[in-house]
Structures are given as C-alpha cells and as structure tokens.
C-alpha cells in the first residue's frame, strides 16, 4: 500500500533561529510589527510503500532520525496519509 508522510523539521525551541530573526526584522520593515517570533524549518513530503501504516511510520521515523533531521539542533514530527 502507498502512504504519504508529511514531515516538519524545526529548530529546537531552546536554540536561536537566525533565519527567523531576520524574517521578523523584514516583517517590521514592511510595517508588520505584530509578528513577535518566527521559526524557519523544513517541510518534507515522502511517498512510501509499505505493507501497513505501522511499517510506513517506522520507515519514516528512521529516515527522520538518520537523514532528515539533526537531533542536536532540530526536532521533527510527521503525519501519515494513505
């Protein structure tokens, strides 16, 4: 069966996000002063074939841990769709 994983990889909340700070500054330059915090991350979509959803989740989790995120600086979360 084919599954689609929607993965979000974001910087850990404890770490400074320089890209996010630059966007906040840019928004202020546009007159949008209400934005107080911006975090920049990655959104990844993977289509994966597996026998069942649990197997698909295991494969996606492995990909996130070993390739798609840096656990020292980032966390990830994902949802699965069939």
PDB file of N, CA and C in Angstrom:
ATOM      1  N   UNK A   1       0.840  -1.176   0.000  1.00  0.00           N
ATOM      2  CA  UNK A   1       0.000   0.000   0.000  1.00  0.00           C
ATOM      3  C   UNK A   1       0.889   1.246   0.000  1.00  0.00           C
ATOM      4  N   UNK A   2       0.422   2.314  -0.617  1.00  0.00           N
ATOM      5  CA  UNK A   2       1.174   3.571  -0.663  1.00  0.00           C
ATOM      6  C   UNK A   2       0.691   4.518   0.419  1.00  0.00           C
ATOM      7  N   UNK A   3       1.637   5.159   1.067  1.00  0.00           N
ATOM      8  CA  UNK A   3       1.356   6.141   2.109  1.00  0.00           C
ATOM      9  C   UNK A   3       2.110   7.423   1.792  1.00  0.00           C
ATOM     10  N   UNK A   4       1.590   8.521   2.287  1.00  0.00           N
ATOM     11  CA  UNK A   4       2.265   9.802   2.166  1.00  0.00           C
ATOM     12  C   UNK A   4       2.555  10.319   3.567  1.00  0.00           C
ATOM     13  N   UNK A   5       3.804  10.668   3.800  1.00  0.00           N
ATOM     14  CA  UNK A   5       4.208  11.253   5.079  1.00  0.00           C
ATOM     15  C   UNK A   5       4.441  12.741   4.874  1.00  0.00           C
ATOM     16  N   UNK A   6       3.844  13.540   5.730  1.00  0.00           N
ATOM     17  CA  UNK A   6       4.066  14.991   5.765  1.00  0.00           C
ATOM     18  C   UNK A   6       4.933  15.249   6.995  1.00  0.00           C
ATOM     19  N   UNK A   7       6.179  15.672   6.764  1.00  0.00           N
ATOM     20  CA  UNK A   7       7.163  15.816   7.839  1.00  0.00           C
ATOM     21  C   UNK A   7       7.511  17.292   8.024  1.00  0.00           C
ATOM     22  N   UNK A   8       7.544  17.726   9.270  1.00  0.00           N
ATOM     23  CA  UNK A   8       8.016  19.064   9.602  1.00  0.00           C
ATOM     24  C   UNK A   8       9.248  18.929  10.486  1.00  0.00           C
ATOM     25  N   UNK A   9      10.332  19.566  10.074  1.00  0.00           N
ATOM     26  CA  UNK A   9      11.576  19.593  10.837  1.00  0.00           C
ATOM     27  C   UNK A   9      11.802  21.042  11.249  1.00  0.00           C
ATOM     28  N   UNK A  10      11.932  21.253  12.554  1.00  0.00           N
ATOM     29  CA  UNK A  10      12.060  22.618  13.079  1.00  0.00           C
ATOM     30  C   UNK A  10      13.249  22.709  14.031  1.00  0.00           C
ATOM     31  N   UNK A  11      13.822  23.922  14.183  1.00  0.00           N
ATOM     32  CA  UNK A  11      14.892  24.091  15.167  1.00  0.00           C
ATOM     33  C   UNK A  11      14.339  23.872  16.578  1.00  0.00           C
ATOM     34  N   UNK A  12      15.163  23.334  17.448  1.00  0.00           N
ATOM     35  CA  UNK A  12      14.748  23.186  18.839  1.00  0.00           C
ATOM     36  C   UNK A  12      14.369  24.551  19.411  1.00  0.00           C
ATOM     37  N   UNK A  13      13.343  24.568  20.236  1.00  0.00           N
ATOM     38  CA  UNK A  13      12.852  25.827  20.790  1.00  0.00           C
ATOM     39  C   UNK A  13      13.905  26.552  21.632  1.00  0.00           C
ATOM     40  N   UNK A  14      14.833  25.787  22.212  1.00  0.00           N
ATOM     41  CA  UNK A  14      15.868  26.380  23.069  1.00  0.00           C
ATOM     42  C   UNK A  14      16.959  27.097  22.276  1.00  0.00           C
ATOM     43  N   UNK A  15      17.014  26.840  20.965  1.00  0.00           N
ATOM     44  CA  UNK A  15      18.093  27.403  20.153  1.00  0.00           C
ATOM     45  C   UNK A  15      17.647  28.667  19.418  1.00  0.00           C
ATOM     46  N   UNK A  16      18.574  29.568  19.240  1.00  0.00           N
ATOM     47  CA  UNK A  16      18.331  30.770  18.453  1.00  0.00           C
ATOM     48  C   UNK A  16      18.114  30.369  16.990  1.00  0.00           C
ATOM     49  N   UNK A  17      17.163  31.025  16.349  1.00  0.00           N
ATOM     50  CA  UNK A  17      16.890  30.776  14.931  1.00  0.00           C
ATOM     51  C   UNK A  17      17.214  32.056  14.159  1.00  0.00           C
ATOM     52  N   UNK A  18      18.452  32.180  13.636  1.00  0.00           N
ATOM     53  CA  UNK A  18      18.851  33.411  12.966  1.00  0.00           C
ATOM     54  C   UNK A  18      17.986  33.740  11.747  1.00  0.00           C
ATOM     55  N   UNK A  19      17.560  32.729  10.997  1.00  0.00           N
ATOM     56  CA  UNK A  19      16.691  32.990   9.842  1.00  0.00           C
ATOM     57  C   UNK A  19      15.354  33.568  10.309  1.00  0.00           C
ATOM     58  N   UNK A  20      14.825  33.003  11.368  1.00  0.00           N
ATOM     59  CA  UNK A  20      13.568  33.506  11.912  1.00  0.00           C
ATOM     60  C   UNK A  20      13.697  34.949  12.379  1.00  0.00           C
ATOM     61  N   UNK A  21      14.805  35.276  13.032  1.00  0.00           N
ATOM     62  CA  UNK A  21      15.044  36.656  13.487  1.00  0.00           C
ATOM     63  C   UNK A  21      15.125  37.612  12.294  1.00  0.00           C
ATOM     64  N   UNK A  22      15.766  37.172  11.209  1.00  0.00           N
ATOM     65  CA  UNK A  22      15.858  38.008  10.009  1.00  0.00           C
ATOM     66  C   UNK A  22      14.477  38.253   9.416  1.00  0.00           C
ATOM     67  N   UNK A  23      13.608  37.239   9.437  1.00  0.00           N
ATOM     68  CA  UNK A  23      12.253  37.412   8.910  1.00  0.00           C
ATOM     69  C   UNK A  23      11.461  38.378   9.781  1.00  0.00           C
ATOM     70  N   UNK A  24      11.589  38.280  11.099  1.00  0.00           N
ATOM     71  CA  UNK A  24      10.902  39.226  11.994  1.00  0.00           C
ATOM     72  C   UNK A  24      11.336  40.644  11.661  1.00  0.00           C
ATOM     73  N   UNK A  25      12.632  40.843  11.443  1.00  0.00           N
ATOM     74  CA  UNK A  25      13.145  42.172  11.092  1.00  0.00           C
ATOM     75  C   UNK A  25      12.568  42.633   9.755  1.00  0.00           C
ATOM     76  N   UNK A  26      12.522  41.724   8.776  1.00  0.00           N
ATOM     77  CA  UNK A  26      11.943  42.064   7.472  1.00  0.00           C
ATOM     78  C   UNK A  26      10.478  42.413   7.570  1.00  0.00           C
ATOM     79  N   UNK A  27       9.744  41.688   8.401  1.00  0.00           N
ATOM     80  CA  UNK A  27       8.323  41.984   8.590  1.00  0.00           C
ATOM     81  C   UNK A  27       8.133  43.366   9.210  1.00  0.00           C
ATOM     82  N   UNK A  28       8.982  43.704  10.162  1.00  0.00           N
ATOM     83  CA  UNK A  28       8.906  45.047  10.768  1.00  0.00           C
ATOM     84  C   UNK A  28       9.165  46.127   9.713  1.00  0.00           C
ATOM     85  N   UNK A  29      10.102  45.869   8.797  1.00  0.00           N
ATOM     86  CA  UNK A  29      10.371  46.811   7.713  1.00  0.00           C
ATOM     87  C   UNK A  29       9.171  46.981   6.795  1.00  0.00           C
ATOM     88  N   UNK A  30       8.322  45.950   6.724  1.00  0.00           N
ATOM     89  CA  UNK A  30       7.097  46.024   5.923  1.00  0.00           C
ATOM     90  C   UNK A  30       5.930  46.642   6.698  1.00  0.00           C
ATOM     91  N   UNK A  31       6.196  47.014   7.943  1.00  0.00           N
ATOM     92  CA  UNK A  31       5.137  47.604   8.756  1.00  0.00           C
ATOM     93  C   UNK A  31       4.307  46.564   9.499  1.00  0.00           C
ATOM     94  N   UNK A  32       4.738  45.327   9.492  1.00  0.00           N
ATOM     95  CA  UNK A  32       4.026  44.268  10.212  1.00  0.00           C
ATOM     96  C   UNK A  32       4.738  44.074  11.541  1.00  0.00           C
ATOM     97  N   UNK A  33       4.349  44.876  12.516  1.00  0.00           N
ATOM     98  CA  UNK A  33       5.017  44.880  13.815  1.00  0.00           C
ATOM     99  C   UNK A  33       4.438  43.857  14.785  1.00  0.00           C
ATOM    100  N   UNK A  34       3.353  43.211  14.395  1.00  0.00           N
ATOM    101  CA  UNK A  34       2.692  42.270  15.294  1.00  0.00           C
ATOM    102  C   UNK A  34       3.410  40.923  15.374  1.00  0.00           C
ATOM    103  N   UNK A  35       4.266  40.612  14.415  1.00  0.00           N
ATOM    104  CA  UNK A  35       4.995  39.338  14.427  1.00  0.00           C
ATOM    105  C   UNK A  35       6.086  39.413  15.483  1.00  0.00           C
ATOM    106  N   UNK A  36       6.013  38.537  16.461  1.00  0.00           N
ATOM    107  CA  UNK A  36       6.976  38.572  17.571  1.00  0.00           C
ATOM    108  C   UNK A  36       8.015  37.462  17.487  1.00  0.00           C
ATOM    109  N   UNK A  37       7.657  36.353  16.879  1.00  0.00           N
ATOM    110  CA  UNK A  37       8.602  35.231  16.797  1.00  0.00           C
ATOM    111  C   UNK A  37       8.334  34.453  15.513  1.00  0.00           C
ATOM    112  N   UNK A  38       9.383  34.159  14.786  1.00  0.00           N
ATOM    113  CA  UNK A  38       9.282  33.358  13.564  1.00  0.00           C
ATOM    114  C   UNK A  38      10.320  32.256  13.671  1.00  0.00           C
ATOM    115  N   UNK A  39       9.927  31.041  13.354  1.00  0.00           N
ATOM    116  CA  UNK A  39      10.840  29.902  13.313  1.00  0.00           C
ATOM    117  C   UNK A  39      10.830  29.365  11.883  1.00  0.00           C
ATOM    118  N   UNK A  40      11.988  29.164  11.307  1.00  0.00           N
ATOM    119  CA  UNK A  40      12.113  28.660   9.946  1.00  0.00           C
ATOM    120  C   UNK A  40      12.528  27.193  10.012  1.00  0.00           C
ATOM    121  N   UNK A  41      11.809  26.357   9.287  1.00  0.00           N
ATOM    122  CA  UNK A  41      12.117  24.933   9.270  1.00  0.00           C
ATOM    123  C   UNK A  41      11.966  24.367   7.870  1.00  0.00           C
ATOM    124  N   UNK A  42      11.797  23.057   7.811  1.00  0.00           N
ATOM    125  CA  UNK A  42      11.652  22.359   6.537  1.00  0.00           C
ATOM    126  C   UNK A  42      10.349  21.567   6.551  1.00  0.00           C
ATOM    127  N   UNK A  43       9.687  21.540   5.409  1.00  0.00           N
ATOM    128  CA  UNK A  43       8.526  20.678   5.228  1.00  0.00           C
ATOM    129  C   UNK A  43       8.883  19.679   4.133  1.00  0.00           C
ATOM    130  N   UNK A  44       8.756  18.397   4.448  1.00  0.00           N
ATOM    131  CA  UNK A  44       9.162  17.341   3.527  1.00  0.00           C
ATOM    132  C   UNK A  44       7.973  16.403   3.320  1.00  0.00           C
ATOM    133  N   UNK A  45       7.708  16.052   2.085  1.00  0.00           N
ATOM    134  CA  UNK A  45       6.670  15.070   1.760  1.00  0.00           C
ATOM    135  C   UNK A  45       7.335  13.847   1.153  1.00  0.00           C
ATOM    136  N   UNK A  46       7.021  12.685   1.706  1.00  0.00           N
ATOM    137  CA  UNK A  46       7.570  11.431   1.197  1.00  0.00           C
ATOM    138  C   UNK A  46       6.413  10.491   0.868  1.00  0.00           C
ATOM    139  N   UNK A  47       6.452   9.929  -0.314  1.00  0.00           N
ATOM    140  CA  UNK A  47       5.521   8.855  -0.650  1.00  0.00           C
ATOM    141  C   UNK A  47       6.286   7.549  -0.467  1.00  0.00           C
ATOM    142  N   UNK A  48       5.705   6.661   0.319  1.00  0.00           N
ATOM    143  CA  UNK A  48       6.409   5.436   0.683  1.00  0.00           C
ATOM    144  C   UNK A  48       5.474   4.241   0.570  1.00  0.00           C
ATOM    145  N   UNK A  49       6.029   3.128   0.134  1.00  0.00           N
ATOM    146  CA  UNK A  49       5.250   1.902   0.019  1.00  0.00           C
ATOM    147  C   UNK A  49       5.566   1.011   1.214  1.00  0.00           C
ATOM    148  N   UNK A  50       4.515   0.482   1.846  1.00  0.00           N
ATOM    149  CA  UNK A  50       4.679  -0.406   2.989  1.00  0.00           C
ATOM    150  C   UNK A  50       3.475  -1.321   3.093  1.00  0.00           C
ATOM    151  N   UNK A  51       3.641  -2.408   3.832  1.00  0.00           N
ATOM    152  CA  UNK A  51       2.550  -3.364   3.989  1.00  0.00           C
ATOM    153  C   UNK A  51       1.400  -2.804   4.820  1.00  0.00           C
ATOM    154  N   UNK A  52       1.744  -1.949   5.804  1.00  0.00           N
ATOM    155  CA  UNK A  52       0.715  -1.342   6.651  1.00  0.00           C
ATOM    156  C   UNK A  52       1.222   0.001   7.170  1.00  0.00           C
ATOM    157  N   UNK A  53       0.349   0.718   7.832  1.00  0.00           N
ATOM    158  CA  UNK A  53       0.701   2.070   8.288  1.00  0.00           C
ATOM    159  C   UNK A  53       1.808   2.047   9.342  1.00  0.00           C
ATOM    160  N   UNK A  54       1.796   1.060  10.228  1.00  0.00           N
ATOM    161  CA  UNK A  54       2.840   0.977  11.250  1.00  0.00           C
ATOM    162  C   UNK A  54       4.222   0.810  10.619  1.00  0.00           C
ATOM    163  N   UNK A  55       4.316  -0.025   9.600  1.00  0.00           N
ATOM    164  CA  UNK A  55       5.584  -0.219   8.906  1.00  0.00           C
ATOM    165  C   UNK A  55       6.016   1.073   8.209  1.00  0.00           C
ATOM    166  N   UNK A  56       5.063   1.769   7.615  1.00  0.00           N
ATOM    167  CA  UNK A  56       5.370   3.043   6.959  1.00  0.00           C
ATOM    168  C   UNK A  56       5.876   4.060   7.983  1.00  0.00           C
ATOM    169  N   UNK A  57       5.221   4.131   9.146  1.00  0.00           N
ATOM    170  CA  UNK A  57       5.650   5.061  10.201  1.00  0.00           C
ATOM    171  C   UNK A  57       7.068   4.735  10.671  1.00  0.00           C
ATOM    172  N   UNK A  58       7.369   3.456  10.807  1.00  0.00           N
ATOM    173  CA  UNK A  58       8.708   3.048  11.239  1.00  0.00           C
ATOM    174  C   UNK A  58       9.759   3.490  10.224  1.00  0.00           C
ATOM    175  N   UNK A  59       9.470   3.306   8.954  1.00  0.00           N
ATOM    176  CA  UNK A  59      10.416   3.716   7.911  1.00  0.00           C
ATOM    177  C   UNK A  59      10.617   5.223   7.899  1.00  0.00           C
ATOM    178  N   UNK A  60       9.532   5.974   8.024  1.00  0.00           N
ATOM    179  CA  UNK A  60       9.631   7.435   8.024  1.00  0.00           C
ATOM    180  C   UNK A  60      10.384   7.909   9.259  1.00  0.00           C
ATOM    181  N   UNK A  61      10.100   7.319  10.406  1.00  0.00           N
ATOM    182  CA  UNK A  61      10.795   7.696  11.639  1.00  0.00           C
ATOM    183  C   UNK A  61      12.297   7.460  11.502  1.00  0.00           C
ATOM    184  N   UNK A  62      12.676   6.338  10.915  1.00  0.00           N
ATOM    185  CA  UNK A  62      14.094   6.047  10.687  1.00  0.00           C
ATOM    186  C   UNK A  62      14.718   7.090   9.762  1.00  0.00           C
ATOM    187  N   UNK A  63      14.013   7.443   8.695  1.00  0.00           N
ATOM    188  CA  UNK A  63      14.530   8.457   7.762  1.00  0.00           C
ATOM    189  C   UNK A  63      14.710   9.794   8.472  1.00  0.00           C
ATOM    190  N   UNK A  64      13.765  10.154   9.313  1.00  0.00           N
ATOM    191  CA  UNK A  64      13.865  11.424  10.037  1.00  0.00           C
ATOM    192  C   UNK A  64      15.052  11.423  10.993  1.00  0.00           C
ATOM    193  N   UNK A  65      15.203  10.345  11.734  1.00  0.00           N
ATOM    194  CA  UNK A  65      16.280  10.260  12.729  1.00  0.00           C
ATOM    195  C   UNK A  65      17.664  10.219  12.086  1.00  0.00           C
ATOM    196  N   UNK A  66      17.790   9.492  10.978  1.00  0.00           N
ATOM    197  CA  UNK A  66      19.119   9.237  10.423  1.00  0.00           C
ATOM    198  C   UNK A  66      19.511  10.140   9.258  1.00  0.00           C
ATOM    199  N   UNK A  67      18.532  10.838   8.653  1.00  0.00           N
ATOM    200  CA  UNK A  67      18.861  11.613   7.461  1.00  0.00           C
ATOM    201  C   UNK A  67      18.248  13.004   7.437  1.00  0.00           C
ATOM    202  N   UNK A  68      16.992  13.131   7.769  1.00  0.00           N
ATOM    203  CA  UNK A  68      16.268  14.376   7.516  1.00  0.00           C
ATOM    204  C   UNK A  68      16.388  15.425   8.610  1.00  0.00           C
ATOM    205  N   UNK A  69      16.784  15.021   9.808  1.00  0.00           N
ATOM    206  CA  UNK A  69      16.911  15.998  10.891  1.00  0.00           C
ATOM    207  C   UNK A  69      18.224  15.798  11.634  1.00  0.00           C
ATOM    208  N   UNK A  70      18.662  16.844  12.276  1.00  0.00           N
ATOM    209  CA  UNK A  70      19.838  16.805  13.137  1.00  0.00           C
ATOM    210  C   UNK A  70      19.334  16.896  14.573  1.00  0.00           C
ATOM    211  N   UNK A  71      19.317  15.782  15.322  1.00  0.00           N
ATOM    212  CA  UNK A  71      18.706  15.787  16.645  1.00  0.00           C
ATOM    213  C   UNK A  71      19.380  16.728  17.651  1.00  0.00           C
ATOM    214  N   UNK A  72      20.598  17.154  17.375  1.00  0.00           N
ATOM    215  CA  UNK A  72      21.277  18.099  18.250  1.00  0.00           C
ATOM    216  C   UNK A  72      20.635  19.477  18.134  1.00  0.00           C
ATOM    217  N   UNK A  73      20.128  19.812  16.943  1.00  0.00           N
ATOM    218  CA  UNK A  73      19.620  21.159  16.694  1.00  0.00           C
ATOM    219  C   UNK A  73      18.145  21.209  16.296  1.00  0.00           C
ATOM    220  N   UNK A  74      17.553  20.057  15.935  1.00  0.00           N
ATOM    221  CA  UNK A  74      16.202  20.067  15.373  1.00  0.00           C
ATOM    222  C   UNK A  74      15.342  18.972  15.991  1.00  0.00           C
ATOM    223  N   UNK A  75      14.036  19.179  15.893  1.00  0.00           N
ATOM    224  CA  UNK A  75      13.087  18.117  16.214  1.00  0.00           C
ATOM    225  C   UNK A  75      12.191  17.936  14.998  1.00  0.00           C
ATOM    226  N   UNK A  76      11.486  16.817  14.960  1.00  0.00           N
ATOM    227  CA  UNK A  76      10.614  16.554  13.818  1.00  0.00           C
ATOM    228  C   UNK A  76       9.293  15.982  14.309  1.00  0.00           C
ATOM    229  N   UNK A  77       8.299  16.125  13.457  1.00  0.00           N
ATOM    230  CA  UNK A  77       7.003  15.485  13.670  1.00  0.00           C
ATOM    231  C   UNK A  77       6.430  15.174  12.298  1.00  0.00           C
ATOM    232  N   UNK A  78       5.605  14.140  12.231  1.00  0.00           N
ATOM    233  CA  UNK A  78       5.039  13.799  10.928  1.00  0.00           C
ATOM    234  C   UNK A  78       3.643  13.206  11.079  1.00  0.00           C
ATOM    235  N   UNK A  79       2.893  13.298   9.993  1.00  0.00           N
ATOM    236  CA  UNK A  79       1.587  12.663   9.899  1.00  0.00           C
ATOM    237  C   UNK A  79       1.602  11.775   8.671  1.00  0.00           C
ATOM    238  N   UNK A  80       0.807  10.728   8.725  1.00  0.00           N
ATOM    239  CA  UNK A  80       0.720   9.775   7.623  1.00  0.00           C
ATOM    240  C   UNK A  80      -0.685   9.839   7.008  1.00  0.00           C
ATOM    241  N   UNK A  81      -0.732   9.708   5.685  1.00  0.00           N
ATOM    242  CA  UNK A  81      -1.989   9.660   4.949  1.00  0.00           C
ATOM    243  C   UNK A  81      -1.907   8.495   3.975  1.00  0.00           C
ATOM    244  N   UNK A  82      -2.998   7.802   3.805  1.00  0.00           N
ATOM    245  CA  UNK A  82      -2.984   6.710   2.821  1.00  0.00           C
ATOM    246  C   UNK A  82      -3.696   7.120   1.565  1.00  0.00           C
TER     247      UNK A  82
END
